[in-house]
Amino acid sequence: MRKYIFELEMKVRDYECDLQGVVNNANYQHYMEHARHEFLEHAGANFGELHQQGIDAMVARVEIDYKVSLISGNRFSVKLNISREGAKLVFLEDIYRLSDDKLCARGRVESICVKDGKLTRGELFDEIFADYLK
C-alpha cells in the first residue's frame, strides 16, 4: 500500500458509464484530473488564477492501469502522492472503491509548467508543493 498525501472522495454518476454499465475508461482520467486540481487548491493555489497570471501546469504524459471497474452509484476515493523528476512533477494517483477498498485504477501523470508560453524548470511546483516535496 502506498503512502498518500491527499485524498478526494467522489461518486460515479450514471452518465459516466458506457453500454456495459461500467465507468468508461476516459472518466478515470477525469477523476484523477479533478483530484489534482483539488489538491492544488488544498496546497493554496488555483488552476484558473495561475492561468490568468500566464502560468499553466500541463499534462505531458499519462499512464493508467485499470484493475476493477466502477459502476453507477459507487463511491470511490482518488488518493495521490507527488514527486519531482527533473522539471516534471509526477502524480501517482490510485482510485479505490470505498465499499470494499478495491484498487480500481492506478495512474501516473507527469506534469510540466509553462510560463508565458515558455517551458520552465518547474520552480513553481517547488513553491506551491514545498510541504509535500520533501
N, C-alpha and C. Protein backbone atom coordinates (compact mmCIF):
# COMPACT_ATOMS: atom_id res chain seq x y z
N MET A 1 0.85 -1.19 0.00
CA MET A 1 0.00 0.00 0.00
C MET A 1 0.89 1.24 0.00
N ARG A 2 0.59 2.16 -0.86
CA ARG A 2 1.35 3.41 -0.96
C ARG A 2 0.94 4.35 0.17
N LYS A 3 1.84 5.27 0.47
CA LYS A 3 1.52 6.36 1.37
C LYS A 3 0.99 7.51 0.51
N TYR A 4 -0.09 8.13 0.95
CA TYR A 4 -0.71 9.20 0.17
C TYR A 4 -0.69 10.50 0.95
N ILE A 5 -0.64 11.62 0.21
CA ILE A 5 -0.63 12.92 0.86
C ILE A 5 -1.95 13.66 0.70
N PHE A 6 -2.84 13.13 -0.17
CA PHE A 6 -4.13 13.78 -0.40
C PHE A 6 -5.13 12.72 -0.84
N GLU A 7 -6.38 12.95 -0.46
CA GLU A 7 -7.45 12.02 -0.83
C GLU A 7 -8.72 12.82 -1.11
N LEU A 8 -9.43 12.43 -2.17
CA LEU A 8 -10.68 13.08 -2.54
C LEU A 8 -11.73 12.01 -2.82
N GLU A 9 -12.86 12.08 -2.12
CA GLU A 9 -13.95 11.13 -2.33
C GLU A 9 -14.93 11.68 -3.35
N MET A 10 -15.45 10.78 -4.19
CA MET A 10 -16.42 11.14 -5.23
C MET A 10 -17.41 10.00 -5.40
N LYS A 11 -18.40 10.22 -6.27
CA LYS A 11 -19.42 9.22 -6.56
C LYS A 11 -19.60 9.13 -8.07
N VAL A 12 -19.71 7.90 -8.59
CA VAL A 12 -19.93 7.68 -10.02
C VAL A 12 -21.33 8.16 -10.38
N ARG A 13 -21.41 8.94 -11.45
CA ARG A 13 -22.69 9.42 -11.98
C ARG A 13 -23.10 8.55 -13.17
N ASP A 14 -24.39 8.38 -13.35
CA ASP A 14 -24.91 7.49 -14.39
C ASP A 14 -24.30 7.76 -15.76
N TYR A 15 -24.17 9.02 -16.13
CA TYR A 15 -23.71 9.35 -17.48
C TYR A 15 -22.23 9.03 -17.71
N GLU A 16 -21.51 8.64 -16.68
CA GLU A 16 -20.09 8.30 -16.83
C GLU A 16 -19.90 6.84 -17.24
N CYS A 17 -20.99 6.10 -17.30
CA CYS A 17 -20.92 4.67 -17.62
C CYS A 17 -21.19 4.43 -19.10
N ASP A 18 -20.62 3.36 -19.63
CA ASP A 18 -20.81 3.02 -21.03
C ASP A 18 -21.90 1.93 -21.16
N LEU A 19 -22.03 1.36 -22.34
CA LEU A 19 -23.08 0.37 -22.59
C LEU A 19 -22.96 -0.87 -21.71
N GLN A 20 -21.77 -1.19 -21.28
CA GLN A 20 -21.57 -2.36 -20.41
C GLN A 20 -21.96 -2.09 -18.97
N GLY A 21 -22.32 -0.84 -18.65
CA GLY A 21 -22.73 -0.49 -17.30
C GLY A 21 -21.58 -0.19 -16.35
N VAL A 22 -20.38 -0.04 -16.90
CA VAL A 22 -19.21 0.29 -16.08
C VAL A 22 -18.70 1.68 -16.47
N VAL A 23 -17.92 2.29 -15.61
CA VAL A 23 -17.37 3.61 -15.91
C VAL A 23 -16.49 3.50 -17.15
N ASN A 24 -16.74 4.40 -18.11
CA ASN A 24 -15.93 4.45 -19.31
C ASN A 24 -14.49 4.79 -18.94
N ASN A 25 -13.54 4.16 -19.61
CA ASN A 25 -12.13 4.31 -19.25
C ASN A 25 -11.67 5.75 -19.19
N ALA A 26 -12.15 6.61 -20.08
CA ALA A 26 -11.70 8.01 -20.11
C ALA A 26 -12.07 8.76 -18.84
N ASN A 27 -13.13 8.33 -18.17
CA ASN A 27 -13.57 9.05 -16.97
C ASN A 27 -12.61 8.87 -15.80
N TYR A 28 -11.83 7.80 -15.78
CA TYR A 28 -10.84 7.65 -14.72
C TYR A 28 -9.81 8.77 -14.80
N GLN A 29 -9.46 9.17 -16.02
CA GLN A 29 -8.53 10.29 -16.18
C GLN A 29 -9.18 11.58 -15.69
N HIS A 30 -10.48 11.76 -15.93
CA HIS A 30 -11.19 12.93 -15.42
C HIS A 30 -11.17 12.95 -13.89
N TYR A 31 -11.39 11.80 -13.28
CA TYR A 31 -11.36 11.72 -11.81
C TYR A 31 -9.99 12.14 -11.28
N MET A 32 -8.94 11.64 -11.92
CA MET A 32 -7.59 11.98 -11.48
C MET A 32 -7.30 13.46 -11.68
N GLU A 33 -7.76 14.02 -12.79
CA GLU A 33 -7.55 15.45 -13.03
C GLU A 33 -8.26 16.29 -11.97
N HIS A 34 -9.49 15.92 -11.66
CA HIS A 34 -10.23 16.67 -10.65
C HIS A 34 -9.51 16.61 -9.30
N ALA A 35 -8.99 15.44 -8.95
CA ALA A 35 -8.25 15.30 -7.69
C ALA A 35 -7.00 16.18 -7.69
N ARG A 36 -6.30 16.26 -8.81
CA ARG A 36 -5.11 17.12 -8.87
C ARG A 36 -5.48 18.58 -8.69
N HIS A 37 -6.56 19.02 -9.30
CA HIS A 37 -6.99 20.42 -9.16
C HIS A 37 -7.41 20.71 -7.72
N GLU A 38 -8.09 19.78 -7.09
CA GLU A 38 -8.49 19.95 -5.69
C GLU A 38 -7.25 19.97 -4.78
N PHE A 39 -6.27 19.14 -5.10
CA PHE A 39 -5.03 19.12 -4.33
C PHE A 39 -4.29 20.44 -4.47
N LEU A 40 -4.28 20.99 -5.68
CA LEU A 40 -3.64 22.28 -5.91
C LEU A 40 -4.29 23.34 -5.03
N GLU A 41 -5.62 23.35 -4.95
CA GLU A 41 -6.31 24.31 -4.08
C GLU A 41 -6.00 24.04 -2.61
N HIS A 42 -5.93 22.78 -2.25
CA HIS A 42 -5.57 22.40 -0.88
C HIS A 42 -4.18 22.95 -0.52
N ALA A 43 -3.29 22.99 -1.51
CA ALA A 43 -1.93 23.49 -1.31
C ALA A 43 -1.85 25.01 -1.36
N GLY A 44 -2.98 25.68 -1.69
CA GLY A 44 -3.01 27.13 -1.64
C GLY A 44 -2.97 27.84 -2.97
N ALA A 45 -3.15 27.13 -4.07
CA ALA A 45 -3.14 27.76 -5.39
C ALA A 45 -4.41 27.38 -6.14
N ASN A 46 -4.70 28.11 -7.21
CA ASN A 46 -5.89 27.85 -8.00
C ASN A 46 -5.50 27.78 -9.47
N PHE A 47 -5.94 26.72 -10.14
CA PHE A 47 -5.57 26.47 -11.53
C PHE A 47 -5.95 27.65 -12.43
N GLY A 48 -7.17 28.16 -12.30
CA GLY A 48 -7.64 29.28 -13.12
C GLY A 48 -6.88 30.56 -12.86
N GLU A 49 -6.61 30.84 -11.58
CA GLU A 49 -5.86 32.05 -11.24
C GLU A 49 -4.43 31.98 -11.77
N LEU A 50 -3.81 30.81 -11.69
CA LEU A 50 -2.46 30.66 -12.24
C LEU A 50 -2.47 30.95 -13.75
N HIS A 51 -3.48 30.44 -14.43
CA HIS A 51 -3.58 30.68 -15.89
C HIS A 51 -3.68 32.18 -16.17
N GLN A 52 -4.47 32.89 -15.37
CA GLN A 52 -4.61 34.35 -15.56
C GLN A 52 -3.27 35.06 -15.38
N GLN A 53 -2.35 34.46 -14.63
CA GLN A 53 -1.01 35.03 -14.43
C GLN A 53 -0.02 34.56 -15.49
N GLY A 54 -0.50 33.80 -16.47
CA GLY A 54 0.38 33.30 -17.53
C GLY A 54 1.10 32.02 -17.17
N ILE A 55 0.65 31.35 -16.11
CA ILE A 55 1.29 30.12 -15.65
C ILE A 55 0.34 28.96 -15.88
N ASP A 56 0.81 27.95 -16.61
CA ASP A 56 -0.02 26.79 -16.91
C ASP A 56 0.72 25.50 -16.58
N ALA A 57 0.10 24.71 -15.72
CA ALA A 57 0.58 23.35 -15.48
C ALA A 57 -0.11 22.48 -16.52
N MET A 58 0.67 21.69 -17.24
CA MET A 58 0.13 20.89 -18.34
C MET A 58 0.56 19.44 -18.20
N VAL A 59 -0.34 18.57 -18.59
CA VAL A 59 -0.02 17.14 -18.58
C VAL A 59 0.89 16.83 -19.75
N ALA A 60 1.98 16.15 -19.46
CA ALA A 60 2.93 15.75 -20.50
C ALA A 60 2.77 14.27 -20.85
N ARG A 61 2.32 13.48 -19.88
CA ARG A 61 2.19 12.03 -20.11
C ARG A 61 1.24 11.46 -19.07
N VAL A 62 0.43 10.49 -19.49
CA VAL A 62 -0.49 9.79 -18.60
C VAL A 62 -0.38 8.30 -18.85
N GLU A 63 -0.27 7.53 -17.77
CA GLU A 63 -0.35 6.07 -17.84
C GLU A 63 -1.38 5.63 -16.82
N ILE A 64 -2.33 4.81 -17.24
CA ILE A 64 -3.34 4.31 -16.31
C ILE A 64 -3.45 2.80 -16.48
N ASP A 65 -3.36 2.09 -15.37
CA ASP A 65 -3.62 0.65 -15.34
C ASP A 65 -4.99 0.45 -14.71
N TYR A 66 -5.88 -0.22 -15.44
CA TYR A 66 -7.24 -0.45 -14.96
C TYR A 66 -7.30 -1.81 -14.28
N LYS A 67 -7.86 -1.85 -13.09
CA LYS A 67 -7.87 -3.07 -12.28
C LYS A 67 -9.27 -3.65 -12.08
N VAL A 68 -10.18 -2.85 -11.49
CA VAL A 68 -11.55 -3.27 -11.19
C VAL A 68 -12.48 -2.14 -11.62
N SER A 69 -13.55 -2.46 -12.32
CA SER A 69 -14.46 -1.44 -12.83
C SER A 69 -15.35 -0.87 -11.73
N LEU A 70 -15.55 0.44 -11.82
CA LEU A 70 -16.57 1.10 -11.02
C LEU A 70 -17.88 1.08 -11.79
N ILE A 71 -19.01 1.12 -11.06
CA ILE A 71 -20.32 1.17 -11.70
C ILE A 71 -21.10 2.35 -11.12
N SER A 72 -22.22 2.66 -11.74
CA SER A 72 -23.03 3.80 -11.32
C SER A 72 -23.37 3.71 -9.83
N GLY A 73 -23.20 4.84 -9.17
CA GLY A 73 -23.53 4.92 -7.75
C GLY A 73 -22.38 4.57 -6.82
N ASN A 74 -21.34 3.91 -7.33
CA ASN A 74 -20.20 3.58 -6.47
C ASN A 74 -19.57 4.85 -5.91
N ARG A 75 -19.23 4.79 -4.65
CA ARG A 75 -18.44 5.85 -4.04
C ARG A 75 -16.99 5.38 -4.11
N PHE A 76 -16.11 6.34 -4.40
CA PHE A 76 -14.71 5.99 -4.56
C PHE A 76 -13.84 7.13 -4.07
N SER A 77 -12.57 6.82 -3.94
CA SER A 77 -11.61 7.80 -3.47
C SER A 77 -10.42 7.82 -4.41
N VAL A 78 -9.98 9.04 -4.77
CA VAL A 78 -8.74 9.20 -5.52
C VAL A 78 -7.70 9.62 -4.50
N LYS A 79 -6.64 8.84 -4.40
CA LYS A 79 -5.55 9.13 -3.46
C LYS A 79 -4.30 9.42 -4.27
N LEU A 80 -3.55 10.42 -3.83
CA LEU A 80 -2.38 10.78 -4.63
C LEU A 80 -1.15 11.06 -3.79
N ASN A 81 -0.05 11.01 -4.49
CA ASN A 81 1.25 11.38 -3.97
C ASN A 81 1.98 12.08 -5.10
N ILE A 82 3.02 12.84 -4.77
CA ILE A 82 3.78 13.55 -5.81
C ILE A 82 5.28 13.37 -5.59
N SER A 83 6.00 13.54 -6.68
CA SER A 83 7.46 13.57 -6.63
C SER A 83 7.94 14.42 -7.80
N ARG A 84 9.21 14.78 -7.76
CA ARG A 84 9.82 15.55 -8.84
C ARG A 84 10.76 14.65 -9.62
N GLU A 85 10.74 14.81 -10.93
CA GLU A 85 11.70 14.17 -11.82
C GLU A 85 12.17 15.24 -12.79
N GLY A 86 13.28 15.88 -12.46
CA GLY A 86 13.76 16.99 -13.28
C GLY A 86 12.76 18.13 -13.24
N ALA A 87 12.35 18.61 -14.40
CA ALA A 87 11.39 19.71 -14.47
C ALA A 87 9.95 19.24 -14.29
N LYS A 88 9.74 17.92 -14.29
CA LYS A 88 8.39 17.38 -14.21
C LYS A 88 7.95 17.14 -12.77
N LEU A 89 6.66 17.34 -12.54
CA LEU A 89 6.02 16.92 -11.30
C LEU A 89 5.25 15.66 -11.63
N VAL A 90 5.49 14.60 -10.88
CA VAL A 90 4.85 13.31 -11.15
C VAL A 90 3.81 13.04 -10.07
N PHE A 91 2.59 12.82 -10.52
CA PHE A 91 1.49 12.46 -9.62
C PHE A 91 1.26 10.95 -9.74
N LEU A 92 1.30 10.27 -8.62
CA LEU A 92 0.91 8.87 -8.56
C LEU A 92 -0.48 8.85 -7.95
N GLU A 93 -1.47 8.42 -8.74
CA GLU A 93 -2.86 8.50 -8.32
C GLU A 93 -3.52 7.14 -8.39
N ASP A 94 -4.13 6.75 -7.29
CA ASP A 94 -4.84 5.48 -7.21
C ASP A 94 -6.30 5.74 -6.89
N ILE A 95 -7.17 4.97 -7.54
CA ILE A 95 -8.61 5.08 -7.30
C ILE A 95 -9.08 3.81 -6.62
N TYR A 96 -9.72 3.98 -5.45
CA TYR A 96 -10.22 2.85 -4.67
C TYR A 96 -11.73 2.94 -4.53
N ARG A 97 -12.41 1.82 -4.71
CA ARG A 97 -13.84 1.73 -4.43
C ARG A 97 -13.99 1.69 -2.91
N LEU A 98 -14.83 2.53 -2.36
CA LEU A 98 -14.93 2.66 -0.91
C LEU A 98 -15.62 1.47 -0.24
N SER A 99 -16.55 0.82 -0.92
CA SER A 99 -17.31 -0.26 -0.29
C SER A 99 -16.45 -1.44 0.12
N ASP A 100 -15.37 -1.69 -0.62
CA ASP A 100 -14.52 -2.85 -0.30
C ASP A 100 -13.03 -2.54 -0.39
N ASP A 101 -12.69 -1.26 -0.58
CA ASP A 101 -11.29 -0.82 -0.66
C ASP A 101 -10.51 -1.49 -1.81
N LYS A 102 -11.22 -1.86 -2.87
CA LYS A 102 -10.56 -2.46 -4.03
C LYS A 102 -9.89 -1.38 -4.88
N LEU A 103 -8.68 -1.66 -5.32
CA LEU A 103 -7.98 -0.77 -6.24
C LEU A 103 -8.63 -0.89 -7.61
N CYS A 104 -9.15 0.21 -8.13
CA CYS A 104 -9.83 0.22 -9.43
C CYS A 104 -8.93 0.68 -10.56
N ALA A 105 -8.07 1.64 -10.29
CA ALA A 105 -7.15 2.16 -11.31
C ALA A 105 -5.93 2.74 -10.63
N ARG A 106 -4.82 2.61 -11.31
CA ARG A 106 -3.55 3.17 -10.82
C ARG A 106 -2.98 4.03 -11.93
N GLY A 107 -2.73 5.31 -11.63
CA GLY A 107 -2.26 6.23 -12.65
C GLY A 107 -0.95 6.90 -12.30
N ARG A 108 -0.25 7.25 -13.35
CA ARG A 108 0.98 8.05 -13.24
C ARG A 108 0.81 9.20 -14.23
N VAL A 109 0.83 10.42 -13.70
CA VAL A 109 0.61 11.60 -14.54
C VAL A 109 1.81 12.52 -14.38
N GLU A 110 2.47 12.81 -15.50
CA GLU A 110 3.62 13.70 -15.50
C GLU A 110 3.17 15.08 -15.97
N SER A 111 3.49 16.10 -15.18
CA SER A 111 3.09 17.47 -15.49
C SER A 111 4.31 18.35 -15.68
N ILE A 112 4.15 19.34 -16.54
CA ILE A 112 5.18 20.35 -16.76
C ILE A 112 4.58 21.71 -16.45
N CYS A 113 5.44 22.72 -16.33
CA CYS A 113 4.97 24.07 -16.05
C CYS A 113 5.46 25.01 -17.15
N VAL A 114 4.50 25.78 -17.69
CA VAL A 114 4.79 26.73 -18.74
C VAL A 114 4.44 28.12 -18.22
N LYS A 115 5.35 29.07 -18.41
CA LYS A 115 5.09 30.46 -18.00
C LYS A 115 5.21 31.34 -19.23
N ASP A 116 4.14 32.09 -19.49
CA ASP A 116 4.08 32.96 -20.67
C ASP A 116 4.47 32.21 -21.94
N GLY A 117 4.02 30.98 -22.06
CA GLY A 117 4.24 30.19 -23.26
C GLY A 117 5.58 29.49 -23.34
N LYS A 118 6.42 29.64 -22.31
CA LYS A 118 7.75 29.02 -22.35
C LYS A 118 7.88 27.98 -21.24
N LEU A 119 8.46 26.85 -21.58
CA LEU A 119 8.69 25.78 -20.62
C LEU A 119 9.62 26.27 -19.51
N THR A 120 9.29 25.98 -18.27
CA THR A 120 10.13 26.35 -17.13
C THR A 120 10.77 25.09 -16.53
N ARG A 121 11.59 25.29 -15.54
CA ARG A 121 12.19 24.17 -14.81
C ARG A 121 11.27 23.69 -13.70
N GLY A 122 10.08 24.27 -13.62
CA GLY A 122 9.11 23.82 -12.63
C GLY A 122 9.30 24.42 -11.25
N GLU A 123 9.95 25.56 -11.17
CA GLU A 123 10.20 26.19 -9.87
C GLU A 123 8.90 26.46 -9.11
N LEU A 124 7.85 26.75 -9.85
CA LEU A 124 6.55 27.00 -9.22
C LEU A 124 6.09 25.78 -8.42
N PHE A 125 6.34 24.58 -8.95
CA PHE A 125 5.98 23.37 -8.24
C PHE A 125 6.66 23.33 -6.87
N ASP A 126 7.93 23.72 -6.86
CA ASP A 126 8.68 23.70 -5.59
C ASP A 126 8.07 24.65 -4.58
N GLU A 127 7.60 25.79 -5.03
CA GLU A 127 6.98 26.77 -4.13
C GLU A 127 5.62 26.29 -3.62
N ILE A 128 4.75 25.91 -4.53
CA ILE A 128 3.40 25.51 -4.15
C ILE A 128 3.38 24.24 -3.30
N PHE A 129 4.20 23.29 -3.68
CA PHE A 129 4.17 21.98 -3.02
C PHE A 129 5.33 21.75 -2.07
N ALA A 130 5.91 22.83 -1.54
CA ALA A 130 7.08 22.72 -0.66
C ALA A 130 6.82 21.78 0.52
N ASP A 131 5.63 21.82 1.08
CA ASP A 131 5.32 20.96 2.24
C ASP A 131 5.20 19.49 1.87
N TYR A 132 5.06 19.18 0.58
CA TYR A 132 4.83 17.80 0.15
C TYR A 132 6.01 17.20 -0.59
N LEU A 133 6.94 18.03 -1.06
CA LEU A 133 8.10 17.55 -1.81
C LEU A 133 9.33 17.53 -0.92
N LYS A 134 9.33 16.66 0.02
CA LYS A 134 10.46 16.58 0.95
C LYS A 134 11.31 15.39 0.67
